[in-house]
Amino acid sequence: MAFHITHSSGSMESSPPLSALPGLLDELERADAEHGDVSVTHESEWCISVSRSGYTTLEHLERGEPRHLRDVTREKILDLWTKLAHGDIESVESAAWISGYR
């Protein structure tokens, strides 16, 4: 299972324990406007980022194809991140994503 997380500061961490994901999400409570998102990226280049406002984006970093969700619960974000970290892209894509960034 190869993935990395990007902290609100912009620093990255490779393959942390899944127990680090709630703390990553908690960073948004302290994030400023300049550093207002965190993300999990699988080795396949699929990435789920979450902004301070709760706006959640799924995107393949090389191909684009952005999709988004609004008003996602903490539990759902953690579930999606965990599935992505495990490489379960099919389950991640089965969520009710809306095409585009907004």
PDB file of N, CA and C in Angstrom:
ATOM      1  N   MET A   1       0.854  -1.160   0.000  1.00  0.00           N
ATOM      2  CA  MET A   1       0.000   0.000   0.000  1.00  0.00           C
ATOM      3  C   MET A   1       0.905   1.229   0.000  1.00  0.00           C
ATOM      4  N   ALA A   2       1.050   1.858  -1.155  1.00  0.00           N
ATOM      5  CA  ALA A   2       1.900   3.043  -1.262  1.00  0.00           C
ATOM      6  C   ALA A   2       1.029   4.271  -1.512  1.00  0.00           C
ATOM      7  N   PHE A   3       1.121   5.195  -0.586  1.00  0.00           N
ATOM      8  CA  PHE A   3       0.398   6.446  -0.713  1.00  0.00           C
ATOM      9  C   PHE A   3       1.162   7.491   0.081  1.00  0.00           C
ATOM     10  N   HIS A   4       0.802   8.732  -0.117  1.00  0.00           N
ATOM     11  CA  HIS A   4       1.382   9.778   0.733  1.00  0.00           C
ATOM     12  C   HIS A   4       0.300  10.769   1.117  1.00  0.00           C
ATOM     13  N   ILE A   5       0.575  11.478   2.204  1.00  0.00           N
ATOM     14  CA  ILE A   5      -0.334  12.523   2.638  1.00  0.00           C
ATOM     15  C   ILE A   5       0.372  13.862   2.503  1.00  0.00           C
ATOM     16  N   THR A   6      -0.400  14.879   2.248  1.00  0.00           N
ATOM     17  CA  THR A   6       0.126  16.237   2.186  1.00  0.00           C
ATOM     18  C   THR A   6      -0.554  17.028   3.297  1.00  0.00           C
ATOM     19  N   HIS A   7       0.266  17.549   4.187  1.00  0.00           N
ATOM     20  CA  HIS A   7      -0.211  18.319   5.327  1.00  0.00           C
ATOM     21  C   HIS A   7      -0.586  19.729   4.894  1.00  0.00           C
ATOM     22  N   SER A   8      -1.294  20.434   5.762  1.00  0.00           N
ATOM     23  CA  SER A   8      -1.696  21.808   5.449  1.00  0.00           C
ATOM     24  C   SER A   8      -0.492  22.720   5.249  1.00  0.00           C
ATOM     25  N   SER A   9       0.644  22.371   5.824  1.00  0.00           N
ATOM     26  CA  SER A   9       1.871  23.156   5.657  1.00  0.00           C
ATOM     27  C   SER A   9       2.523  22.925   4.300  1.00  0.00           C
ATOM     28  N   GLY A  10       2.060  21.894   3.583  1.00  0.00           N
ATOM     29  CA  GLY A  10       2.648  21.532   2.298  1.00  0.00           C
ATOM     30  C   GLY A  10       3.647  20.394   2.399  1.00  0.00           C
ATOM     31  N   SER A  11       4.035  20.030   3.617  1.00  0.00           N
ATOM     32  CA  SER A  11       4.967  18.916   3.770  1.00  0.00           C
ATOM     33  C   SER A  11       4.248  17.606   3.476  1.00  0.00           C
ATOM     34  N   MET A  12       5.021  16.611   3.041  1.00  0.00           N
ATOM     35  CA  MET A  12       4.457  15.318   2.661  1.00  0.00           C
ATOM     36  C   MET A  12       5.034  14.219   3.534  1.00  0.00           C
ATOM     37  N   GLU A  13       4.262  13.160   3.669  1.00  0.00           N
ATOM     38  CA  GLU A  13       4.672  12.005   4.451  1.00  0.00           C
ATOM     39  C   GLU A  13       4.283  10.747   3.681  1.00  0.00           C
ATOM     40  N   SER A  14       5.251   9.871   3.447  1.00  0.00           N
ATOM     41  CA  SER A  14       4.988   8.653   2.672  1.00  0.00           C
ATOM     42  C   SER A  14       4.501   7.515   3.549  1.00  0.00           C
ATOM     43  N   SER A  15       3.417   6.905   3.114  1.00  0.00           N
ATOM     44  CA  SER A  15       2.834   5.712   3.728  1.00  0.00           C
ATOM     45  C   SER A  15       2.793   5.762   5.260  1.00  0.00           C
ATOM     46  N   PRO A  16       2.189   6.802   5.825  1.00  0.00           N
ATOM     47  CA  PRO A  16       2.040   6.836   7.282  1.00  0.00           C
ATOM     48  C   PRO A  16       1.016   5.784   7.702  1.00  0.00           C
ATOM     49  N   PRO A  17       0.924   5.496   8.992  1.00  0.00           N
ATOM     50  CA  PRO A  17      -0.136   4.578   9.418  1.00  0.00           C
ATOM     51  C   PRO A  17      -1.498   5.222   9.158  1.00  0.00           C
ATOM     52  N   LEU A  18      -2.491   4.408   8.892  1.00  0.00           N
ATOM     53  CA  LEU A  18      -3.833   4.935   8.642  1.00  0.00           C
ATOM     54  C   LEU A  18      -4.368   5.701   9.848  1.00  0.00           C
ATOM     55  N   SER A  19      -3.833   5.431  11.002  1.00  0.00           N
ATOM     56  CA  SER A  19      -4.248   6.156  12.209  1.00  0.00           C
ATOM     57  C   SER A  19      -3.862   7.633  12.152  1.00  0.00           C
ATOM     58  N   ALA A  20      -3.019   8.018  11.180  1.00  0.00           N
ATOM     59  CA  ALA A  20      -2.630   9.424  11.015  1.00  0.00           C
ATOM     60  C   ALA A  20      -3.693  10.238  10.273  1.00  0.00           C
ATOM     61  N   LEU A  21      -4.639   9.571   9.611  1.00  0.00           N
ATOM     62  CA  LEU A  21      -5.618  10.285   8.789  1.00  0.00           C
ATOM     63  C   LEU A  21      -6.540  11.210   9.588  1.00  0.00           C
ATOM     64  N   PRO A  22      -7.048  10.811  10.756  1.00  0.00           N
ATOM     65  CA  PRO A  22      -7.875  11.763  11.516  1.00  0.00           C
ATOM     66  C   PRO A  22      -7.099  13.033  11.887  1.00  0.00           C
ATOM     67  N   GLY A  23      -5.834  12.887  12.251  1.00  0.00           N
ATOM     68  CA  GLY A  23      -5.007  14.047  12.587  1.00  0.00           C
ATOM     69  C   GLY A  23      -4.780  14.943  11.385  1.00  0.00           C
ATOM     70  N   LEU A  24      -4.639  14.342  10.216  1.00  0.00           N
ATOM     71  CA  LEU A  24      -4.489  15.118   8.986  1.00  0.00           C
ATOM     72  C   LEU A  24      -5.728  15.974   8.765  1.00  0.00           C
ATOM     73  N   LEU A  25      -6.884  15.392   8.944  1.00  0.00           N
ATOM     74  CA  LEU A  25      -8.128  16.132   8.785  1.00  0.00           C
ATOM     75  C   LEU A  25      -8.265  17.231   9.846  1.00  0.00           C
ATOM     76  N   ASP A  26      -7.800  16.954  11.055  1.00  0.00           N
ATOM     77  CA  ASP A  26      -7.842  17.949  12.134  1.00  0.00           C
ATOM     78  C   ASP A  26      -7.005  19.185  11.812  1.00  0.00           C
ATOM     79  N   GLU A  27      -5.988  19.040  10.973  1.00  0.00           N
ATOM     80  CA  GLU A  27      -5.143  20.180  10.610  1.00  0.00           C
ATOM     81  C   GLU A  27      -5.955  21.313   9.987  1.00  0.00           C
ATOM     82  N   LEU A  28      -7.065  20.981   9.366  1.00  0.00           N
ATOM     83  CA  LEU A  28      -7.884  22.001   8.709  1.00  0.00           C
ATOM     84  C   LEU A  28      -8.487  22.985   9.709  1.00  0.00           C
ATOM     85  N   GLU A  29      -8.653  22.555  10.951  1.00  0.00           N
ATOM     86  CA  GLU A  29      -9.186  23.448  11.977  1.00  0.00           C
ATOM     87  C   GLU A  29      -8.213  24.591  12.283  1.00  0.00           C
ATOM     88  N   ARG A  30      -6.932  24.355  12.067  1.00  0.00           N
ATOM     89  CA  ARG A  30      -5.905  25.354  12.350  1.00  0.00           C
ATOM     90  C   ARG A  30      -5.329  25.985  11.084  1.00  0.00           C
ATOM     91  N   ALA A  31      -5.769  25.527   9.939  1.00  0.00           N
ATOM     92  CA  ALA A  31      -5.198  25.988   8.664  1.00  0.00           C
ATOM     93  C   ALA A  31      -5.599  27.432   8.373  1.00  0.00           C
ATOM     94  N   ASP A  32      -4.681  28.154   7.726  1.00  0.00           N
ATOM     95  CA  ASP A  32      -5.001  29.517   7.305  1.00  0.00           C
ATOM     96  C   ASP A  32      -5.396  29.505   5.834  1.00  0.00           C
ATOM     97  N   ALA A  33      -5.729  30.658   5.303  1.00  0.00           N
ATOM     98  CA  ALA A  33      -6.201  30.739   3.911  1.00  0.00           C
ATOM     99  C   ALA A  33      -5.148  30.268   2.921  1.00  0.00           C
ATOM    100  N   GLU A  34      -3.888  30.503   3.225  1.00  0.00           N
ATOM    101  CA  GLU A  34      -2.812  30.113   2.310  1.00  0.00           C
ATOM    102  C   GLU A  34      -2.572  28.604   2.328  1.00  0.00           C
ATOM    103  N   HIS A  35      -2.788  27.996   3.460  1.00  0.00           N
ATOM    104  CA  HIS A  35      -2.546  26.558   3.627  1.00  0.00           C
ATOM    105  C   HIS A  35      -3.848  25.883   4.033  1.00  0.00           C
ATOM    106  N   GLY A  36      -4.839  25.965   3.165  1.00  0.00           N
ATOM    107  CA  GLY A  36      -6.179  25.557   3.531  1.00  0.00           C
ATOM    108  C   GLY A  36      -6.649  24.217   3.037  1.00  0.00           C
ATOM    109  N   ASP A  37      -5.725  23.305   2.689  1.00  0.00           N
ATOM    110  CA  ASP A  37      -6.195  21.983   2.302  1.00  0.00           C
ATOM    111  C   ASP A  37      -5.175  20.918   2.669  1.00  0.00           C
ATOM    112  N   VAL A  38      -5.658  19.685   2.731  1.00  0.00           N
ATOM    113  CA  VAL A  38      -4.843  18.505   3.014  1.00  0.00           C
ATOM    114  C   VAL A  38      -5.270  17.429   2.023  1.00  0.00           C
ATOM    115  N   SER A  39      -4.420  16.438   1.812  1.00  0.00           N
ATOM    116  CA  SER A  39      -4.786  15.418   0.829  1.00  0.00           C
ATOM    117  C   SER A  39      -4.111  14.078   1.084  1.00  0.00           C
ATOM    118  N   VAL A  40      -4.697  13.063   0.456  1.00  0.00           N
ATOM    119  CA  VAL A  40      -4.132  11.720   0.395  1.00  0.00           C
ATOM    120  C   VAL A  40      -4.000  11.385  -1.085  1.00  0.00           C
ATOM    121  N   THR A  41      -2.812  10.913  -1.479  1.00  0.00           N
ATOM    122  CA  THR A  41      -2.552  10.566  -2.870  1.00  0.00           C
ATOM    123  C   THR A  41      -2.034   9.132  -2.943  1.00  0.00           C
ATOM    124  N   HIS A  42      -2.709   8.310  -3.725  1.00  0.00           N
ATOM    125  CA  HIS A  42      -2.295   6.927  -3.945  1.00  0.00           C
ATOM    126  C   HIS A  42      -1.188   6.892  -4.997  1.00  0.00           C
ATOM    127  N   GLU A  43      -0.404   5.844  -5.008  1.00  0.00           N
ATOM    128  CA  GLU A  43       0.682   5.714  -5.984  1.00  0.00           C
ATOM    129  C   GLU A  43       0.182   5.711  -7.425  1.00  0.00           C
ATOM    130  N   SER A  44      -1.090   5.442  -7.635  1.00  0.00           N
ATOM    131  CA  SER A  44      -1.679   5.456  -8.976  1.00  0.00           C
ATOM    132  C   SER A  44      -1.962   6.874  -9.457  1.00  0.00           C
ATOM    133  N   GLU A  45      -1.658   7.869  -8.624  1.00  0.00           N
ATOM    134  CA  GLU A  45      -1.854   9.306  -8.895  1.00  0.00           C
ATOM    135  C   GLU A  45      -3.272   9.791  -8.659  1.00  0.00           C
ATOM    136  N   TRP A  46      -4.138   8.952  -8.072  1.00  0.00           N
ATOM    137  CA  TRP A  46      -5.449   9.427  -7.657  1.00  0.00           C
ATOM    138  C   TRP A  46      -5.279  10.152  -6.336  1.00  0.00           C
ATOM    139  N   CYS A  47      -5.929  11.301  -6.208  1.00  0.00           N
ATOM    140  CA  CYS A  47      -5.771  12.150  -5.032  1.00  0.00           C
ATOM    141  C   CYS A  47      -7.130  12.647  -4.555  1.00  0.00           C
ATOM    142  N   ILE A  48      -7.329  12.613  -3.244  1.00  0.00           N
ATOM    143  CA  ILE A  48      -8.505  13.227  -2.629  1.00  0.00           C
ATOM    144  C   ILE A  48      -8.002  14.332  -1.722  1.00  0.00           C
ATOM    145  N   SER A  49      -8.404  15.562  -2.035  1.00  0.00           N
ATOM    146  CA  SER A  49      -8.039  16.698  -1.193  1.00  0.00           C
ATOM    147  C   SER A  49      -9.288  17.262  -0.533  1.00  0.00           C
ATOM    148  N   VAL A  50      -9.080  17.837   0.641  1.00  0.00           N
ATOM    149  CA  VAL A  50     -10.172  18.425   1.404  1.00  0.00           C
ATOM    150  C   VAL A  50      -9.741  19.825   1.824  1.00  0.00           C
ATOM    151  N   SER A  51     -10.627  20.797   1.606  1.00  0.00           N
ATOM    152  CA  SER A  51     -10.325  22.183   1.977  1.00  0.00           C
ATOM    153  C   SER A  51     -10.909  22.518   3.348  1.00  0.00           C
ATOM    154  N   ARG A  52     -10.526  23.663   3.862  1.00  0.00           N
ATOM    155  CA  ARG A  52     -11.051  24.128   5.153  1.00  0.00           C
ATOM    156  C   ARG A  52     -12.572  24.190   5.152  1.00  0.00           C
ATOM    157  N   SER A  53     -13.145  24.507   4.014  1.00  0.00           N
ATOM    158  CA  SER A  53     -14.604  24.629   3.918  1.00  0.00           C
ATOM    159  C   SER A  53     -15.308  23.271   3.840  1.00  0.00           C
ATOM    160  N   GLY A  54     -14.536  22.193   3.764  1.00  0.00           N
ATOM    161  CA  GLY A  54     -15.115  20.863   3.648  1.00  0.00           C
ATOM    162  C   GLY A  54     -15.298  20.401   2.216  1.00  0.00           C
ATOM    163  N   TYR A  55     -14.941  21.256   1.276  1.00  0.00           N
ATOM    164  CA  TYR A  55     -15.026  20.919  -0.147  1.00  0.00           C
ATOM    165  C   TYR A  55     -14.031  19.797  -0.428  1.00  0.00           C
ATOM    166  N   THR A  56     -14.494  18.710  -1.027  1.00  0.00           N
ATOM    167  CA  THR A  56     -13.677  17.518  -1.243  1.00  0.00           C
ATOM    168  C   THR A  56     -13.548  17.258  -2.735  1.00  0.00           C
ATOM    169  N   THR A  57     -12.305  17.051  -3.195  1.00  0.00           N
ATOM    170  CA  THR A  57     -12.030  16.871  -4.614  1.00  0.00           C
ATOM    171  C   THR A  57     -11.318  15.542  -4.854  1.00  0.00           C
ATOM    172  N   LEU A  58     -11.750  14.834  -5.873  1.00  0.00           N
ATOM    173  CA  LEU A  58     -11.077  13.632  -6.362  1.00  0.00           C
ATOM    174  C   LEU A  58     -10.528  13.962  -7.733  1.00  0.00           C
ATOM    175  N   GLU A  59      -9.249  13.652  -7.936  1.00  0.00           N
ATOM    176  CA  GLU A  59      -8.644  13.945  -9.236  1.00  0.00           C
ATOM    177  C   GLU A  59      -7.488  13.000  -9.505  1.00  0.00           C
ATOM    178  N   HIS A  60      -7.359  12.601 -10.757  1.00  0.00           N
ATOM    179  CA  HIS A  60      -6.166  11.882 -11.187  1.00  0.00           C
ATOM    180  C   HIS A  60      -5.161  12.961 -11.564  1.00  0.00           C
ATOM    181  N   LEU A  61      -4.044  13.005 -10.876  1.00  0.00           N
ATOM    182  CA  LEU A  61      -3.118  14.125 -11.017  1.00  0.00           C
ATOM    183  C   LEU A  61      -2.464  14.225 -12.386  1.00  0.00           C
ATOM    184  N   GLU A  62      -2.398  13.135 -13.125  1.00  0.00           N
ATOM    185  CA  GLU A  62      -1.796  13.196 -14.459  1.00  0.00           C
ATOM    186  C   GLU A  62      -2.832  13.411 -15.552  1.00  0.00           C
ATOM    187  N   ARG A  63      -4.025  12.869 -15.374  1.00  0.00           N
ATOM    188  CA  ARG A  63      -5.054  12.954 -16.419  1.00  0.00           C
ATOM    189  C   ARG A  63      -6.082  14.050 -16.179  1.00  0.00           C
ATOM    190  N   GLY A  64      -6.093  14.599 -14.978  1.00  0.00           N
ATOM    191  CA  GLY A  64      -7.123  15.586 -14.667  1.00  0.00           C
ATOM    192  C   GLY A  64      -8.367  14.898 -14.163  1.00  0.00           C
ATOM    193  N   GLU A  65      -9.461  15.050 -14.855  1.00  0.00           N
ATOM    194  CA  GLU A  65     -10.732  14.423 -14.493  1.00  0.00           C
ATOM    195  C   GLU A  65     -11.215  14.825 -13.107  1.00  0.00           C
ATOM    196  N   PRO A  66     -11.202  16.115 -12.747  1.00  0.00           N
ATOM    197  CA  PRO A  66     -11.614  16.492 -11.397  1.00  0.00           C
ATOM    198  C   PRO A  66     -13.098  16.231 -11.149  1.00  0.00           C
ATOM    199  N   ARG A  67     -13.379  15.826  -9.936  1.00  0.00           N
ATOM    200  CA  ARG A  67     -14.747  15.637  -9.459  1.00  0.00           C
ATOM    201  C   ARG A  67     -14.790  16.148  -8.029  1.00  0.00           C
ATOM    202  N   HIS A  68     -15.949  16.481  -7.547  1.00  0.00           N
ATOM    203  CA  HIS A  68     -16.031  17.017  -6.201  1.00  0.00           C
ATOM    204  C   HIS A  68     -17.294  16.573  -5.465  1.00  0.00           C
ATOM    205  N   LEU A  69     -17.247  16.777  -4.161  1.00  0.00           N
ATOM    206  CA  LEU A  69     -18.380  16.564  -3.270  1.00  0.00           C
ATOM    207  C   LEU A  69     -18.449  17.759  -2.332  1.00  0.00           C
ATOM    208  N   ARG A  70     -19.634  18.091  -1.902  1.00  0.00           N
ATOM    209  CA  ARG A  70     -19.815  19.172  -0.917  1.00  0.00           C
ATOM    210  C   ARG A  70     -20.424  18.591   0.356  1.00  0.00           C
ATOM    211  N   ASP A  71     -20.163  19.269   1.461  1.00  0.00           N
ATOM    212  CA  ASP A  71     -20.764  18.899   2.744  1.00  0.00           C
ATOM    213  C   ASP A  71     -20.546  17.433   3.089  1.00  0.00           C
ATOM    214  N   VAL A  72     -19.309  16.989   2.976  1.00  0.00           N
ATOM    215  CA  VAL A  72     -18.958  15.599   3.260  1.00  0.00           C
ATOM    216  C   VAL A  72     -18.674  15.464   4.757  1.00  0.00           C
ATOM    217  N   THR A  73     -19.229  14.456   5.375  1.00  0.00           N
ATOM    218  CA  THR A  73     -18.994  14.251   6.806  1.00  0.00           C
ATOM    219  C   THR A  73     -17.549  13.815   7.046  1.00  0.00           C
ATOM    220  N   ARG A  74     -17.100  14.037   8.248  1.00  0.00           N
ATOM    221  CA  ARG A  74     -15.755  13.611   8.649  1.00  0.00           C
ATOM    222  C   ARG A  74     -15.601  12.102   8.423  1.00  0.00           C
ATOM    223  N   GLU A  75     -16.599  11.343   8.825  1.00  0.00           N
ATOM    224  CA  GLU A  75     -16.537   9.885   8.696  1.00  0.00           C
ATOM    225  C   GLU A  75     -16.406   9.463   7.228  1.00  0.00           C
ATOM    226  N   LYS A  76     -17.144  10.136   6.347  1.00  0.00           N
ATOM    227  CA  LYS A  76     -17.082   9.810   4.921  1.00  0.00           C
ATOM    228  C   LYS A  76     -15.715  10.151   4.339  1.00  0.00           C
ATOM    229  N   ILE A  77     -15.153  11.303   4.734  1.00  0.00           N
ATOM    230  CA  ILE A  77     -13.815  11.670   4.250  1.00  0.00           C
ATOM    231  C   ILE A  77     -12.799  10.618   4.682  1.00  0.00           C
ATOM    232  N   LEU A  78     -12.841  10.244   5.939  1.00  0.00           N
ATOM    233  CA  LEU A  78     -11.889   9.242   6.437  1.00  0.00           C
ATOM    234  C   LEU A  78     -12.083   7.904   5.738  1.00  0.00           C
ATOM    235  N   ASP A  79     -13.326   7.552   5.452  1.00  0.00           N
ATOM    236  CA  ASP A  79     -13.610   6.313   4.718  1.00  0.00           C
ATOM    237  C   ASP A  79     -13.034   6.381   3.300  1.00  0.00           C
ATOM    238  N   LEU A  80     -13.260   7.483   2.607  1.00  0.00           N
ATOM    239  CA  LEU A  80     -12.725   7.642   1.247  1.00  0.00           C
ATOM    240  C   LEU A  80     -11.207   7.629   1.244  1.00  0.00           C
ATOM    241  N   TRP A  81     -10.599   8.342   2.187  1.00  0.00           N
ATOM    242  CA  TRP A  81      -9.130   8.354   2.275  1.00  0.00           C
ATOM    243  C   TRP A  81      -8.587   6.951   2.536  1.00  0.00           C
ATOM    244  N   THR A  82      -9.226   6.213   3.423  1.00  0.00           N
ATOM    245  CA  THR A  82      -8.763   4.859   3.740  1.00  0.00           C
ATOM    246  C   THR A  82      -8.871   3.952   2.521  1.00  0.00           C
ATOM    247  N   LYS A  83      -9.981   4.034   1.822  1.00  0.00           N
ATOM    248  CA  LYS A  83     -10.140   3.241   0.597  1.00  0.00           C
ATOM    249  C   LYS A  83      -9.080   3.619  -0.430  1.00  0.00           C
ATOM    250  N   LEU A  84      -8.819   4.911  -0.577  1.00  0.00           N
ATOM    251  CA  LEU A  84      -7.799   5.353  -1.526  1.00  0.00           C
ATOM    252  C   LEU A  84      -6.421   4.849  -1.110  1.00  0.00           C
ATOM    253  N   ALA A  85      -6.106   4.959   0.162  1.00  0.00           N
ATOM    254  CA  ALA A  85      -4.802   4.484   0.657  1.00  0.00           C
ATOM    255  C   ALA A  85      -4.616   2.992   0.381  1.00  0.00           C
ATOM    256  N   HIS A  86      -5.703   2.236   0.446  1.00  0.00           N
ATOM    257  CA  HIS A  86      -5.650   0.801   0.166  1.00  0.00           C
ATOM    258  C   HIS A  86      -5.678   0.496  -1.333  1.00  0.00           C
ATOM    259  N   GLY A  87      -5.852   1.520  -2.151  1.00  0.00           N
ATOM    260  CA  GLY A  87      -5.883   1.312  -3.594  1.00  0.00           C
ATOM    261  C   GLY A  87      -7.232   0.869  -4.121  1.00  0.00           C
ATOM    262  N   ASP A  88      -8.283   1.024  -3.325  1.00  0.00           N
ATOM    263  CA  ASP A  88      -9.628   0.620  -3.739  1.00  0.00           C
ATOM    264  C   ASP A  88     -10.275   1.773  -4.518  1.00  0.00           C
ATOM    265  N   ILE A  89      -9.714   2.038  -5.683  1.00  0.00           N
ATOM    266  CA  ILE A  89     -10.141   3.160  -6.521  1.00  0.00           C
ATOM    267  C   ILE A  89     -11.598   2.982  -6.961  1.00  0.00           C
ATOM    268  N   GLU A  90     -11.983   1.775  -7.252  1.00  0.00           N
ATOM    269  CA  GLU A  90     -13.355   1.517  -7.705  1.00  0.00           C
ATOM    270  C   GLU A  90     -14.377   1.969  -6.655  1.00  0.00           C
ATOM    271  N   SER A  91     -14.138   1.648  -5.396  1.00  0.00           N
ATOM    272  CA  SER A  91     -15.042   2.085  -4.328  1.00  0.00           C
ATOM    273  C   SER A  91     -15.033   3.599  -4.173  1.00  0.00           C
ATOM    274  N   VAL A  92     -13.864   4.201  -4.286  1.00  0.00           N
ATOM    275  CA  VAL A  92     -13.764   5.660  -4.187  1.00  0.00           C
ATOM    276  C   VAL A  92     -14.572   6.309  -5.306  1.00  0.00           C
ATOM    277  N   GLU A  93     -14.411   5.807  -6.509  1.00  0.00           N
ATOM    278  CA  GLU A  93     -15.117   6.389  -7.654  1.00  0.00           C
ATOM    279  C   GLU A  93     -16.628   6.164  -7.594  1.00  0.00           C
ATOM    280  N   SER A  94     -17.079   5.191  -6.813  1.00  0.00           N
ATOM    281  CA  SER A  94     -18.509   4.906  -6.758  1.00  0.00           C
ATOM    282  C   SER A  94     -19.289   5.914  -5.906  1.00  0.00           C
ATOM    283  N   ALA A  95     -18.589   6.802  -5.195  1.00  0.00           N
ATOM    284  CA  ALA A  95     -19.282   7.853  -4.441  1.00  0.00           C
ATOM    285  C   ALA A  95     -19.980   8.784  -5.419  1.00  0.00           C
ATOM    286  N   ALA A  96     -20.851   9.608  -4.935  1.00  0.00           N
ATOM    287  CA  ALA A  96     -21.675  10.493  -5.786  1.00  0.00           C
ATOM    288  C   ALA A  96     -20.914  11.755  -6.200  1.00  0.00           C
ATOM    289  N   TRP A  97     -19.752  11.585  -6.814  1.00  0.00           N
ATOM    290  CA  TRP A  97     -18.916  12.713  -7.253  1.00  0.00           C
ATOM    291  C   TRP A  97     -19.641  13.507  -8.352  1.00  0.00           C
ATOM    292  N   ILE A  98     -19.415  14.804  -8.344  1.00  0.00           N
ATOM    293  CA  ILE A  98     -19.956  15.719  -9.355  1.00  0.00           C
ATOM    294  C   ILE A  98     -18.789  16.171 -10.230  1.00  0.00           C
ATOM    295  N   SER A  99     -18.958  16.140 -11.540  1.00  0.00           N
ATOM    296  CA  SER A  99     -17.875  16.527 -12.457  1.00  0.00           C
ATOM    297  C   SER A  99     -17.427  17.954 -12.231  1.00  0.00           C
ATOM    298  N   GLY A 100     -16.138  18.184 -12.411  1.00  0.00           N
ATOM    299  CA  GLY A 100     -15.552  19.510 -12.303  1.00  0.00           C
ATOM    300  C   GLY A 100     -15.138  19.856 -10.886  1.00  0.00           C
ATOM    301  N   TYR A 101     -14.568  21.033 -10.742  1.00  0.00           N
ATOM    302  CA  TYR A 101     -14.117  21.497  -9.440  1.00  0.00           C
ATOM    303  C   TYR A 101     -15.242  22.090  -8.625  1.00  0.00           C
ATOM    304  N   ARG A 102     -16.195  22.763  -9.278  1.00  0.00           N
ATOM    305  CA  ARG A 102     -17.292  23.404  -8.522  1.00  0.00           C
ATOM    306  C   ARG A 102     -18.551  23.403  -9.340  1.00  0.00           C
TER     307      ARG A 102
END
